[in-house]
Structure formats: C-alpha cells, structure tokens
Amino acid sequence: MDYFGLSGYTNDELKKMGYIVWVPVQEKGSWLGEGDDPTFMNMLDNGLRA
C-alpha cells in the first residue's frame, strides 16, 4: 500500500504495480508532512482519555 521511498515511478506505473496512489508522486526532496499526528492527537481532550 505504501509507496513512500520509491522514486522514478509515475502515478500510472505505481497503479500498475498494485499501489493505491492517494497522493500524486512528489519530486525528490519536496515537503513531507508525516509523524506529528500521533503526538498531537494525544494532547486533545476528546473524552476518551487516550
């Protein structure tokens, strides 16, 4: 499912390989927003006391 780290492939090539392309392929070195949600979500008081 996760094509993170693969480079040199187009959206169509990834789909043919069986990946679900939910975000268009980005240029190498472009911004990557990943990793903050698990930390931030536990700071919210949502009533579940996660």
PDB file of N, CA and C in Angstrom:
ATOM      1  N   MET A   1       0.813  -1.201   0.000  1.00  0.00           N
ATOM      2  CA  MET A   1       0.000   0.000   0.000  1.00  0.00           C
ATOM      3  C   MET A   1       0.857   1.265   0.000  1.00  0.00           C
ATOM      4  N   ASP A   2       1.976   1.278   0.699  1.00  0.00           N
ATOM      5  CA  ASP A   2       2.759   2.497   0.871  1.00  0.00           C
ATOM      6  C   ASP A   2       3.915   2.532  -0.120  1.00  0.00           C
ATOM      7  N   TYR A   3       3.903   3.512  -0.974  1.00  0.00           N
ATOM      8  CA  TYR A   3       4.973   3.660  -1.970  1.00  0.00           C
ATOM      9  C   TYR A   3       5.978   4.728  -1.548  1.00  0.00           C
ATOM     10  N   PHE A   4       5.932   5.124  -0.289  1.00  0.00           N
ATOM     11  CA  PHE A   4       6.889   6.093   0.244  1.00  0.00           C
ATOM     12  C   PHE A   4       8.305   5.527   0.109  1.00  0.00           C
ATOM     13  N   GLY A   5       9.191   6.308  -0.435  1.00  0.00           N
ATOM     14  CA  GLY A   5      10.568   5.874  -0.601  1.00  0.00           C
ATOM     15  C   GLY A   5      10.883   5.376  -2.000  1.00  0.00           C
ATOM     16  N   LEU A   6       9.863   5.043  -2.776  1.00  0.00           N
ATOM     17  CA  LEU A   6      10.095   4.645  -4.162  1.00  0.00           C
ATOM     18  C   LEU A   6      10.280   5.904  -4.999  1.00  0.00           C
ATOM     19  N   SER A   7      11.217   5.892  -5.896  1.00  0.00           N
ATOM     20  CA  SER A   7      11.409   7.061  -6.747  1.00  0.00           C
ATOM     21  C   SER A   7      11.563   6.620  -8.191  1.00  0.00           C
ATOM     22  N   GLY A   8      11.274   7.540  -9.088  1.00  0.00           N
ATOM     23  CA  GLY A   8      11.436   7.266 -10.509  1.00  0.00           C
ATOM     24  C   GLY A   8      10.223   6.630 -11.157  1.00  0.00           C
ATOM     25  N   TYR A   9       9.107   6.558 -10.448  1.00  0.00           N
ATOM     26  CA  TYR A   9       7.891   5.962 -11.000  1.00  0.00           C
ATOM     27  C   TYR A   9       6.816   7.029 -11.179  1.00  0.00           C
ATOM     28  N   THR A  10       5.991   6.861 -12.189  1.00  0.00           N
ATOM     29  CA  THR A  10       4.853   7.757 -12.384  1.00  0.00           C
ATOM     30  C   THR A  10       3.654   7.203 -11.623  1.00  0.00           C
ATOM     31  N   ASN A  11       2.605   8.012 -11.530  1.00  0.00           N
ATOM     32  CA  ASN A  11       1.375   7.554 -10.878  1.00  0.00           C
ATOM     33  C   ASN A  11       0.839   6.291 -11.550  1.00  0.00           C
ATOM     34  N   ASP A  12       0.829   6.284 -12.872  1.00  0.00           N
ATOM     35  CA  ASP A  12       0.306   5.126 -13.611  1.00  0.00           C
ATOM     36  C   ASP A  12       1.147   3.873 -13.381  1.00  0.00           C
ATOM     37  N   GLU A  13       2.463   4.034 -13.334  1.00  0.00           N
ATOM     38  CA  GLU A  13       3.335   2.882 -13.091  1.00  0.00           C
ATOM     39  C   GLU A  13       3.097   2.292 -11.705  1.00  0.00           C
ATOM     40  N   LEU A  14       2.916   3.155 -10.716  1.00  0.00           N
ATOM     41  CA  LEU A  14       2.643   2.673  -9.362  1.00  0.00           C
ATOM     42  C   LEU A  14       1.307   1.935  -9.299  1.00  0.00           C
ATOM     43  N   LYS A  15       0.303   2.461  -9.997  1.00  0.00           N
ATOM     44  CA  LYS A  15      -1.009   1.791 -10.027  1.00  0.00           C
ATOM     45  C   LYS A  15      -0.901   0.416 -10.676  1.00  0.00           C
ATOM     46  N   LYS A  16      -0.119   0.311 -11.739  1.00  0.00           N
ATOM     47  CA  LYS A  16       0.072  -0.984 -12.402  1.00  0.00           C
ATOM     48  C   LYS A  16       0.794  -1.979 -11.496  1.00  0.00           C
ATOM     49  N   MET A  17       1.628  -1.464 -10.596  1.00  0.00           N
ATOM     50  CA  MET A  17       2.352  -2.314  -9.650  1.00  0.00           C
ATOM     51  C   MET A  17       1.462  -2.732  -8.475  1.00  0.00           C
ATOM     52  N   GLY A  18       0.233  -2.182  -8.409  1.00  0.00           N
ATOM     53  CA  GLY A  18      -0.707  -2.573  -7.358  1.00  0.00           C
ATOM     54  C   GLY A  18      -0.847  -1.585  -6.220  1.00  0.00           C
ATOM     55  N   TYR A  19      -0.157  -0.455  -6.296  1.00  0.00           N
ATOM     56  CA  TYR A  19      -0.263   0.547  -5.240  1.00  0.00           C
ATOM     57  C   TYR A  19      -1.504   1.394  -5.439  1.00  0.00           C
ATOM     58  N   ILE A  20      -2.077   1.862  -4.335  1.00  0.00           N
ATOM     59  CA  ILE A  20      -3.180   2.817  -4.382  1.00  0.00           C
ATOM     60  C   ILE A  20      -2.555   4.203  -4.269  1.00  0.00           C
ATOM     61  N   VAL A  21      -2.614   4.958  -5.331  1.00  0.00           N
ATOM     62  CA  VAL A  21      -1.975   6.285  -5.366  1.00  0.00           C
ATOM     63  C   VAL A  21      -2.975   7.303  -4.832  1.00  0.00           C
ATOM     64  N   TRP A  22      -2.870   7.576  -3.542  1.00  0.00           N
ATOM     65  CA  TRP A  22      -3.804   8.504  -2.889  1.00  0.00           C
ATOM     66  C   TRP A  22      -3.258   9.924  -2.856  1.00  0.00           C
ATOM     67  N   VAL A  23      -1.975  10.087  -3.114  1.00  0.00           N
ATOM     68  CA  VAL A  23      -1.340  11.400  -3.235  1.00  0.00           C
ATOM     69  C   VAL A  23      -0.446  11.338  -4.469  1.00  0.00           C
ATOM     70  N   PRO A  24      -0.531  12.311  -5.354  1.00  0.00           N
ATOM     71  CA  PRO A  24       0.319  12.293  -6.539  1.00  0.00           C
ATOM     72  C   PRO A  24       1.806  12.204  -6.170  1.00  0.00           C
ATOM     73  N   VAL A  25       2.577  11.587  -7.008  1.00  0.00           N
ATOM     74  CA  VAL A  25       4.013  11.454  -6.794  1.00  0.00           C
ATOM     75  C   VAL A  25       4.636  12.843  -6.704  1.00  0.00           C
ATOM     76  N   GLN A  26       5.493  13.036  -5.701  1.00  0.00           N
ATOM     77  CA  GLN A  26       6.145  14.325  -5.479  1.00  0.00           C
ATOM     78  C   GLN A  26       7.595  14.255  -5.942  1.00  0.00           C
ATOM     79  N   GLU A  27       8.168  15.407  -6.235  1.00  0.00           N
ATOM     80  CA  GLU A  27       9.576  15.479  -6.607  1.00  0.00           C
ATOM     81  C   GLU A  27      10.438  15.087  -5.417  1.00  0.00           C
ATOM     82  N   LYS A  28      11.584  14.497  -5.702  1.00  0.00           N
ATOM     83  CA  LYS A  28      12.510  14.120  -4.649  1.00  0.00           C
ATOM     84  C   LYS A  28      12.941  15.367  -3.880  1.00  0.00           C
ATOM     85  N   GLY A  29      12.861  15.298  -2.559  1.00  0.00           N
ATOM     86  CA  GLY A  29      13.244  16.413  -1.710  1.00  0.00           C
ATOM     87  C   GLY A  29      12.125  17.386  -1.406  1.00  0.00           C
ATOM     88  N   SER A  30      10.927  17.111  -1.913  1.00  0.00           N
ATOM     89  CA  SER A  30       9.812  18.010  -1.628  1.00  0.00           C
ATOM     90  C   SER A  30       9.330  17.794  -0.198  1.00  0.00           C
ATOM     91  N   TRP A  31       8.473  18.685   0.257  1.00  0.00           N
ATOM     92  CA  TRP A  31       7.981  18.657   1.630  1.00  0.00           C
ATOM     93  C   TRP A  31       7.280  17.352   1.950  1.00  0.00           C
ATOM     94  N   LEU A  32       7.498  16.875   3.167  1.00  0.00           N
ATOM     95  CA  LEU A  32       6.854  15.658   3.636  1.00  0.00           C
ATOM     96  C   LEU A  32       6.308  15.924   5.026  1.00  0.00           C
ATOM     97  N   GLY A  33       4.995  15.927   5.143  1.00  0.00           N
ATOM     98  CA  GLY A  33       4.379  16.138   6.446  1.00  0.00           C
ATOM     99  C   GLY A  33       3.920  14.817   7.021  1.00  0.00           C
ATOM    100  N   GLU A  34       4.727  14.252   7.891  1.00  0.00           N
ATOM    101  CA  GLU A  34       4.391  12.945   8.437  1.00  0.00           C
ATOM    102  C   GLU A  34       4.979  12.834   9.829  1.00  0.00           C
ATOM    103  N   GLY A  35       4.215  12.297  10.762  1.00  0.00           N
ATOM    104  CA  GLY A  35       4.763  11.992  12.065  1.00  0.00           C
ATOM    105  C   GLY A  35       4.260  12.839  13.213  1.00  0.00           C
ATOM    106  N   ASP A  36       3.590  13.946  12.950  1.00  0.00           N
ATOM    107  CA  ASP A  36       3.143  14.801  14.045  1.00  0.00           C
ATOM    108  C   ASP A  36       1.786  14.389  14.612  1.00  0.00           C
ATOM    109  N   ASP A  37       0.936  13.805  13.827  1.00  0.00           N
ATOM    110  CA  ASP A  37      -0.422  13.494  14.281  1.00  0.00           C
ATOM    111  C   ASP A  37      -0.480  12.612  15.525  1.00  0.00           C
ATOM    112  N   PRO A  38       0.240  11.489  15.602  1.00  0.00           N
ATOM    113  CA  PRO A  38       0.120  10.662  16.806  1.00  0.00           C
ATOM    114  C   PRO A  38       0.482  11.410  18.083  1.00  0.00           C
ATOM    115  N   THR A  39       1.447  12.314  18.015  1.00  0.00           N
ATOM    116  CA  THR A  39       1.841  13.081  19.192  1.00  0.00           C
ATOM    117  C   THR A  39       0.799  14.143  19.508  1.00  0.00           C
ATOM    118  N   PHE A  40       0.366  14.861  18.503  1.00  0.00           N
ATOM    119  CA  PHE A  40      -0.580  15.958  18.709  1.00  0.00           C
ATOM    120  C   PHE A  40      -1.951  15.468  19.154  1.00  0.00           C
ATOM    121  N   MET A  41      -2.437  14.377  18.579  1.00  0.00           N
ATOM    122  CA  MET A  41      -3.789  13.917  18.887  1.00  0.00           C
ATOM    123  C   MET A  41      -3.951  13.517  20.348  1.00  0.00           C
ATOM    124  N   ASN A  42      -2.900  13.046  20.992  1.00  0.00           N
ATOM    125  CA  ASN A  42      -2.983  12.681  22.403  1.00  0.00           C
ATOM    126  C   ASN A  42      -3.036  13.894  23.316  1.00  0.00           C
ATOM    127  N   MET A  43      -2.768  15.078  22.764  1.00  0.00           N
ATOM    128  CA  MET A  43      -2.846  16.291  23.565  1.00  0.00           C
ATOM    129  C   MET A  43      -4.262  16.860  23.618  1.00  0.00           C
ATOM    130  N   LEU A  44      -5.148  16.373  22.758  1.00  0.00           N
ATOM    131  CA  LEU A  44      -6.514  16.859  22.711  1.00  0.00           C
ATOM    132  C   LEU A  44      -7.385  16.116  23.736  1.00  0.00           C
ATOM    133  N   ASP A  45      -8.184  16.839  24.439  1.00  0.00           N
ATOM    134  CA  ASP A  45      -9.103  16.221  25.396  1.00  0.00           C
ATOM    135  C   ASP A  45     -10.374  15.859  24.635  1.00  0.00           C
ATOM    136  N   ASN A  46     -10.447  14.609  24.190  1.00  0.00           N
ATOM    137  CA  ASN A  46     -11.584  14.188  23.371  1.00  0.00           C
ATOM    138  C   ASN A  46     -12.598  13.359  24.152  1.00  0.00           C
ATOM    139  N   GLY A  47     -12.410  13.191  25.445  1.00  0.00           N
ATOM    140  CA  GLY A  47     -13.367  12.448  26.243  1.00  0.00           C
ATOM    141  C   GLY A  47     -13.070  10.957  26.326  1.00  0.00           C
ATOM    142  N   LEU A  48     -12.127  10.468  25.543  1.00  0.00           N
ATOM    143  CA  LEU A  48     -11.818   9.043  25.557  1.00  0.00           C
ATOM    144  C   LEU A  48     -10.610   8.723  26.432  1.00  0.00           C
ATOM    145  N   ARG A  49      -9.945   9.754  26.891  1.00  0.00           N
ATOM    146  CA  ARG A  49      -8.749   9.593  27.724  1.00  0.00           C
ATOM    147  C   ARG A  49      -7.719   8.687  27.085  1.00  0.00           C
ATOM    148  N   ALA A  50      -7.447   8.949  25.815  1.00  0.00           N
ATOM    149  CA  ALA A  50      -6.494   8.160  25.066  1.00  0.00           C
ATOM    150  C   ALA A  50      -5.118   8.277  25.652  1.00  0.00           C
TER     151      ALA A  50
END
